[in-house]
Amino acid sequence: MQSKKMLQATITMPGNQAHLEKIFSMEEHSFQNERASYSYENKGNSLVFNISAKDSTALRSVLNTITKIITVHEKAKKVVKNEE
């Protein structure tokens, strides 16, 4: 996605996020309408998401998608810890 005016956002998840990284490796990183995309990288002890969007609605949509997956992952970790 290349455009002169792109909105940018970054989400940093501190700590070892190997499981979360594996989850996102299976997800789409760009969307059919080509209004937004994201990438992620493991930086030291953090997982960093870089989001680009053509407009605020597309940006919000990608942020919601990422944070929903993170929320499900966090809840699943709590359930697994309680079962141990």
N, C-alpha and C. Protein backbone atom coordinates (compact mmCIF):
# COMPACT_ATOMS: atom_id res chain seq x y z
N MET A 1 0.84 -1.19 0.00
CA MET A 1 0.00 0.00 0.00
C MET A 1 0.87 1.23 0.00
N GLN A 2 0.78 2.01 -1.05
CA GLN A 2 1.55 3.23 -1.09
C GLN A 2 0.62 4.39 -1.37
N SER A 3 0.72 5.39 -0.56
CA SER A 3 -0.10 6.58 -0.70
C SER A 3 0.61 7.72 -0.01
N LYS A 4 0.33 8.93 -0.44
CA LYS A 4 0.98 10.08 0.18
C LYS A 4 0.49 10.31 1.60
N LYS A 5 -0.79 10.12 1.85
CA LYS A 5 -1.36 10.39 3.17
C LYS A 5 -1.86 9.09 3.78
N MET A 6 -1.03 8.53 4.63
CA MET A 6 -1.40 7.28 5.30
C MET A 6 -1.42 7.54 6.80
N LEU A 7 -2.41 7.00 7.47
CA LEU A 7 -2.44 7.01 8.92
C LEU A 7 -1.58 5.84 9.41
N GLN A 8 -0.86 6.06 10.49
CA GLN A 8 0.03 5.03 11.03
C GLN A 8 -0.27 4.83 12.51
N ALA A 9 -0.15 3.60 12.97
CA ALA A 9 -0.29 3.30 14.39
C ALA A 9 0.66 2.15 14.72
N THR A 10 1.09 2.10 15.98
CA THR A 10 1.96 1.04 16.44
C THR A 10 1.42 0.49 17.75
N ILE A 11 1.40 -0.83 17.87
CA ILE A 11 1.03 -1.50 19.11
C ILE A 11 2.25 -2.32 19.53
N THR A 12 2.68 -2.17 20.76
CA THR A 12 3.81 -2.94 21.28
C THR A 12 3.33 -3.83 22.41
N MET A 13 3.54 -5.11 22.25
CA MET A 13 3.19 -6.10 23.27
C MET A 13 4.48 -6.54 23.95
N PRO A 14 4.72 -6.09 25.19
CA PRO A 14 5.97 -6.45 25.87
C PRO A 14 5.98 -7.91 26.32
N GLY A 15 7.16 -8.43 26.51
CA GLY A 15 7.30 -9.80 26.99
C GLY A 15 7.41 -10.79 25.85
N ASN A 16 7.64 -12.04 26.21
CA ASN A 16 7.74 -13.10 25.21
C ASN A 16 6.36 -13.37 24.64
N GLN A 17 6.18 -13.08 23.39
CA GLN A 17 4.88 -13.23 22.74
C GLN A 17 4.93 -14.27 21.62
N ALA A 18 5.68 -15.34 21.83
CA ALA A 18 5.85 -16.37 20.79
C ALA A 18 4.52 -16.97 20.36
N HIS A 19 3.63 -17.26 21.32
CA HIS A 19 2.33 -17.84 20.96
C HIS A 19 1.50 -16.85 20.15
N LEU A 20 1.52 -15.60 20.56
CA LEU A 20 0.77 -14.56 19.85
C LEU A 20 1.33 -14.37 18.45
N GLU A 21 2.63 -14.40 18.33
CA GLU A 21 3.26 -14.26 17.01
C GLU A 21 2.84 -15.40 16.09
N LYS A 22 2.75 -16.61 16.65
CA LYS A 22 2.32 -17.77 15.86
C LYS A 22 0.87 -17.59 15.38
N ILE A 23 0.02 -17.04 16.24
CA ILE A 23 -1.38 -16.80 15.86
C ILE A 23 -1.45 -15.82 14.70
N PHE A 24 -0.70 -14.73 14.80
CA PHE A 24 -0.76 -13.72 13.75
C PHE A 24 -0.10 -14.16 12.46
N SER A 25 0.77 -15.16 12.52
CA SER A 25 1.39 -15.64 11.29
C SER A 25 0.36 -16.29 10.37
N MET A 26 -0.78 -16.69 10.94
CA MET A 26 -1.84 -17.33 10.17
C MET A 26 -2.91 -16.36 9.68
N GLU A 27 -2.83 -15.11 10.12
CA GLU A 27 -3.84 -14.11 9.77
C GLU A 27 -3.46 -13.35 8.51
N GLU A 28 -4.47 -12.76 7.86
CA GLU A 28 -4.23 -11.88 6.72
C GLU A 28 -3.57 -10.60 7.20
N HIS A 29 -2.63 -10.06 6.43
CA HIS A 29 -1.95 -8.84 6.82
C HIS A 29 -2.38 -7.63 5.99
N SER A 30 -3.09 -7.89 4.93
CA SER A 30 -3.69 -6.81 4.15
C SER A 30 -5.11 -7.24 3.84
N PHE A 31 -5.94 -6.30 3.54
CA PHE A 31 -7.36 -6.58 3.42
C PHE A 31 -7.82 -6.37 1.99
N GLN A 32 -8.90 -7.02 1.61
CA GLN A 32 -9.36 -7.04 0.23
C GLN A 32 -9.57 -5.65 -0.36
N ASN A 33 -10.05 -4.73 0.43
CA ASN A 33 -10.31 -3.40 -0.10
C ASN A 33 -9.05 -2.54 -0.20
N GLU A 34 -7.92 -3.06 0.25
CA GLU A 34 -6.62 -2.40 0.17
C GLU A 34 -6.57 -1.04 0.85
N ARG A 35 -7.46 -0.79 1.81
CA ARG A 35 -7.45 0.47 2.55
C ARG A 35 -6.54 0.41 3.76
N ALA A 36 -6.16 -0.80 4.18
CA ALA A 36 -5.34 -0.92 5.38
C ALA A 36 -4.51 -2.20 5.33
N SER A 37 -3.42 -2.16 6.09
CA SER A 37 -2.60 -3.36 6.23
C SER A 37 -1.82 -3.24 7.53
N TYR A 38 -1.22 -4.35 7.94
CA TYR A 38 -0.36 -4.30 9.11
C TYR A 38 0.76 -5.32 8.94
N SER A 39 1.80 -5.09 9.67
CA SER A 39 2.90 -6.04 9.76
C SER A 39 3.27 -6.15 11.23
N TYR A 40 4.03 -7.15 11.57
CA TYR A 40 4.50 -7.30 12.94
C TYR A 40 5.91 -7.83 12.91
N GLU A 41 6.64 -7.53 13.96
CA GLU A 41 8.00 -8.04 14.08
C GLU A 41 8.35 -8.23 15.54
N ASN A 42 9.20 -9.19 15.78
CA ASN A 42 9.67 -9.47 17.12
C ASN A 42 10.89 -8.59 17.35
N LYS A 43 10.77 -7.64 18.27
CA LYS A 43 11.88 -6.73 18.58
C LYS A 43 12.33 -6.99 20.01
N GLY A 44 13.42 -7.72 20.14
CA GLY A 44 13.92 -8.02 21.47
C GLY A 44 12.93 -8.84 22.26
N ASN A 45 12.39 -8.25 23.30
CA ASN A 45 11.43 -8.94 24.15
C ASN A 45 10.02 -8.38 23.96
N SER A 46 9.71 -7.93 22.74
CA SER A 46 8.39 -7.37 22.45
C SER A 46 7.94 -7.77 21.04
N LEU A 47 6.64 -7.83 20.87
CA LEU A 47 6.05 -8.02 19.55
C LEU A 47 5.45 -6.68 19.15
N VAL A 48 5.89 -6.14 18.01
CA VAL A 48 5.49 -4.80 17.59
C VAL A 48 4.65 -4.90 16.31
N PHE A 49 3.45 -4.32 16.35
CA PHE A 49 2.56 -4.26 15.20
C PHE A 49 2.65 -2.86 14.60
N ASN A 50 2.81 -2.79 13.28
CA ASN A 50 2.82 -1.52 12.56
C ASN A 50 1.63 -1.51 11.62
N ILE A 51 0.74 -0.56 11.81
CA ILE A 51 -0.50 -0.50 11.05
C ILE A 51 -0.48 0.73 10.16
N SER A 52 -0.93 0.55 8.91
CA SER A 52 -1.07 1.65 7.96
C SER A 52 -2.48 1.61 7.40
N ALA A 53 -3.08 2.79 7.25
CA ALA A 53 -4.44 2.85 6.72
C ALA A 53 -4.64 4.14 5.93
N LYS A 54 -5.52 4.06 4.94
CA LYS A 54 -5.82 5.23 4.12
C LYS A 54 -6.76 6.21 4.80
N ASP A 55 -7.55 5.71 5.77
CA ASP A 55 -8.50 6.58 6.46
C ASP A 55 -8.74 6.08 7.87
N SER A 56 -9.38 6.90 8.68
CA SER A 56 -9.57 6.56 10.09
C SER A 56 -10.47 5.35 10.30
N THR A 57 -11.44 5.15 9.44
CA THR A 57 -12.32 3.99 9.58
C THR A 57 -11.55 2.70 9.34
N ALA A 58 -10.71 2.69 8.34
CA ALA A 58 -9.89 1.51 8.05
C ALA A 58 -8.89 1.27 9.18
N LEU A 59 -8.32 2.35 9.71
CA LEU A 59 -7.38 2.22 10.83
C LEU A 59 -8.07 1.61 12.04
N ARG A 60 -9.25 2.12 12.37
CA ARG A 60 -10.00 1.58 13.51
C ARG A 60 -10.33 0.11 13.30
N SER A 61 -10.67 -0.27 12.10
CA SER A 61 -11.01 -1.66 11.81
C SER A 61 -9.81 -2.58 12.06
N VAL A 62 -8.64 -2.19 11.61
CA VAL A 62 -7.46 -3.02 11.82
C VAL A 62 -7.09 -3.06 13.30
N LEU A 63 -7.15 -1.92 13.98
CA LEU A 63 -6.87 -1.90 15.41
C LEU A 63 -7.83 -2.81 16.16
N ASN A 64 -9.11 -2.78 15.80
CA ASN A 64 -10.09 -3.66 16.44
C ASN A 64 -9.78 -5.13 16.18
N THR A 65 -9.40 -5.45 14.95
CA THR A 65 -9.07 -6.83 14.61
C THR A 65 -7.90 -7.33 15.44
N ILE A 66 -6.85 -6.54 15.51
CA ILE A 66 -5.65 -6.94 16.27
C ILE A 66 -5.97 -7.06 17.75
N THR A 67 -6.65 -6.06 18.31
CA THR A 67 -6.91 -6.10 19.75
C THR A 67 -7.90 -7.21 20.13
N LYS A 68 -8.82 -7.55 19.25
CA LYS A 68 -9.72 -8.67 19.54
C LYS A 68 -8.94 -9.98 19.63
N ILE A 69 -8.02 -10.19 18.72
CA ILE A 69 -7.20 -11.41 18.74
C ILE A 69 -6.34 -11.44 20.00
N ILE A 70 -5.76 -10.30 20.36
CA ILE A 70 -4.94 -10.21 21.57
C ILE A 70 -5.80 -10.51 22.80
N THR A 71 -7.02 -9.99 22.85
CA THR A 71 -7.92 -10.22 23.98
C THR A 71 -8.26 -11.71 24.11
N VAL A 72 -8.58 -12.35 23.01
CA VAL A 72 -8.89 -13.79 23.04
C VAL A 72 -7.67 -14.57 23.53
N HIS A 73 -6.50 -14.20 23.05
CA HIS A 73 -5.26 -14.87 23.47
C HIS A 73 -5.03 -14.71 24.97
N GLU A 74 -5.22 -13.49 25.49
CA GLU A 74 -5.02 -13.25 26.92
C GLU A 74 -6.02 -14.04 27.76
N LYS A 75 -7.28 -14.08 27.34
CA LYS A 75 -8.29 -14.84 28.08
C LYS A 75 -7.99 -16.33 28.05
N ALA A 76 -7.53 -16.83 26.92
CA ALA A 76 -7.20 -18.25 26.80
C ALA A 76 -6.02 -18.60 27.71
N LYS A 77 -5.03 -17.70 27.80
CA LYS A 77 -3.89 -17.94 28.70
C LYS A 77 -4.35 -18.04 30.14
N LYS A 78 -5.29 -17.20 30.54
CA LYS A 78 -5.80 -17.23 31.92
C LYS A 78 -6.52 -18.55 32.19
N VAL A 79 -7.31 -19.02 31.24
CA VAL A 79 -8.04 -20.27 31.42
C VAL A 79 -7.04 -21.42 31.56
N VAL A 80 -6.03 -21.45 30.72
CA VAL A 80 -5.03 -22.52 30.78
C VAL A 80 -4.29 -22.48 32.11
N LYS A 81 -3.93 -21.31 32.59
CA LYS A 81 -3.22 -21.20 33.87
C LYS A 81 -4.09 -21.69 35.02
N ASN A 82 -5.38 -21.42 34.97
CA ASN A 82 -6.29 -21.87 36.03
C ASN A 82 -6.50 -23.37 36.02
N GLU A 83 -6.33 -24.01 34.88
CA GLU A 83 -6.52 -25.44 34.79
C GLU A 83 -5.29 -26.22 35.26
N GLU A 84 -4.15 -25.54 35.30
CA GLU A 84 -2.91 -26.23 35.70
C GLU A 84 -2.84 -26.49 37.17
